[in-house]
């Protein structure tokens, strides 16, 4: 595999991951964090960092919209639920060194 093919495969895998996350708004970010150690917000931050590394102008809001498929505030209003005490406790436990 050459570098171009690798880049194309990685980009396709990223697009598939984003599409999958968009199709599952029922999965809360805190659950993703607790189970996988990353969430949609993390993914949008990585997208923004990659853009910065390539000197491509992408704002934080644009990066979030790329991942969420809509403005972040709209996604939160439609889909985000208040974390349960169990979810928050698991998150807090996972954040400790």
Protein backbone atom coordinates (compact mmCIF):
# COMPACT_ATOMS: atom_id res chain seq x y z
CA UNK A 1 0.00 0.00 0.00
CA UNK A 2 1.36 3.39 -0.90
CA UNK A 3 0.93 6.60 1.12
CA UNK A 4 -1.89 7.92 -1.09
CA UNK A 5 -3.85 4.68 -0.73
CA UNK A 6 -3.31 4.74 3.04
CA UNK A 7 -4.58 8.33 3.23
CA UNK A 8 -7.65 7.48 1.14
CA UNK A 9 -8.46 4.44 3.28
CA UNK A 10 -8.05 6.42 6.50
CA UNK A 11 -10.28 9.18 5.14
CA UNK A 12 -12.93 6.65 4.13
CA UNK A 13 -12.80 5.04 7.58
CA UNK A 14 -13.17 8.47 9.21
CA UNK A 15 -16.18 9.31 7.04
CA UNK A 16 -17.76 5.96 7.93
CA UNK A 17 -17.19 6.55 11.65
CA UNK A 18 -18.72 10.03 11.45
CA UNK A 19 -21.73 8.71 9.50
CA UNK A 20 -22.20 5.95 12.05
CA UNK A 21 -22.10 8.42 14.95
CA UNK A 22 -24.57 10.69 13.16
CA UNK A 23 -26.94 7.75 12.74
CA UNK A 24 -26.80 6.99 16.47
CA UNK A 25 -27.74 10.18 18.30
CA UNK A 26 -29.23 7.95 21.00
CA UNK A 27 -25.69 7.08 22.08
CA UNK A 28 -24.68 9.80 24.51
CA UNK A 29 -21.20 11.29 24.48
CA UNK A 30 -20.69 10.41 28.14
CA UNK A 31 -21.36 6.75 27.31
CA UNK A 32 -18.82 6.91 24.49
CA UNK A 33 -16.29 8.48 26.88
CA UNK A 34 -16.95 5.88 29.56
CA UNK A 35 -16.68 2.94 27.19
CA UNK A 36 -14.20 4.05 24.54
CA UNK A 37 -12.34 6.99 26.04
CA UNK A 38 -13.40 9.39 23.29
CA UNK A 39 -16.61 11.01 22.05
CA UNK A 40 -17.91 13.19 19.26
CA UNK A 41 -16.35 16.26 20.86
CA UNK A 42 -12.96 14.55 20.94
CA UNK A 43 -13.32 13.63 17.28
CA UNK A 44 -14.17 17.22 16.35
CA UNK A 45 -11.13 18.46 18.30
CA UNK A 46 -8.90 16.01 16.44
CA UNK A 47 -10.40 17.21 13.16
CA UNK A 48 -9.65 20.81 14.13
CA UNK A 49 -6.09 19.93 15.14
CA UNK A 50 -5.53 18.17 11.81
CA UNK A 51 -6.82 21.23 9.98
CA UNK A 52 -4.51 23.47 11.99
CA UNK A 53 -1.55 21.18 11.25
CA UNK A 54 -2.26 21.57 7.52
CA UNK A 55 -2.93 25.32 7.78
CA UNK A 56 -6.54 24.79 6.71
CA UNK A 57 -8.95 27.33 8.16
CA UNK A 58 -11.53 25.40 10.17
CA UNK A 59 -13.21 26.86 13.23
CA UNK A 60 -14.15 24.84 16.31
CA UNK A 61 -17.81 25.24 15.35
CA UNK A 62 -17.14 24.06 11.79
CA UNK A 63 -15.26 21.02 13.09
CA UNK A 64 -18.13 20.16 15.43
CA UNK A 65 -20.66 20.56 12.63
CA UNK A 66 -18.58 18.21 10.46
CA UNK A 67 -18.85 15.53 13.14
CA UNK A 68 -22.37 16.19 14.41
CA UNK A 69 -23.92 16.91 11.00
CA UNK A 70 -25.56 20.05 12.40
CA UNK A 71 -24.62 22.93 14.66
CA UNK A 72 -23.52 21.60 18.05
CA UNK A 73 -26.12 23.66 19.96
CA UNK A 74 -28.88 22.13 17.85
CA UNK A 75 -27.58 18.59 18.42
CA UNK A 76 -27.42 19.20 22.17
CA UNK A 77 -30.97 20.55 22.20
CA UNK A 78 -32.33 17.62 20.19
CA UNK A 79 -30.38 14.69 21.59
CA UNK A 80 -28.26 15.35 24.66
CA UNK A 81 -29.69 14.13 27.94
CA UNK A 82 -28.62 14.98 31.46
CA UNK A 83 -25.99 12.51 32.65
CA UNK A 84 -27.18 10.11 35.30
CA UNK A 85 -25.31 9.90 38.58
CA UNK A 86 -23.99 6.49 37.47
CA UNK A 87 -22.72 7.86 34.15
CA UNK A 88 -21.07 10.80 35.89
CA UNK A 89 -19.46 8.56 38.52
CA UNK A 90 -18.04 6.28 35.80
CA UNK A 91 -16.75 9.32 33.92
CA UNK A 92 -15.14 10.78 37.05
CA UNK A 93 -13.54 7.41 37.87
CA UNK A 94 -12.11 7.16 34.35
CA UNK A 95 -10.61 10.67 34.54
CA UNK A 96 -8.44 9.95 37.59
CA UNK A 97 -4.77 9.17 36.92
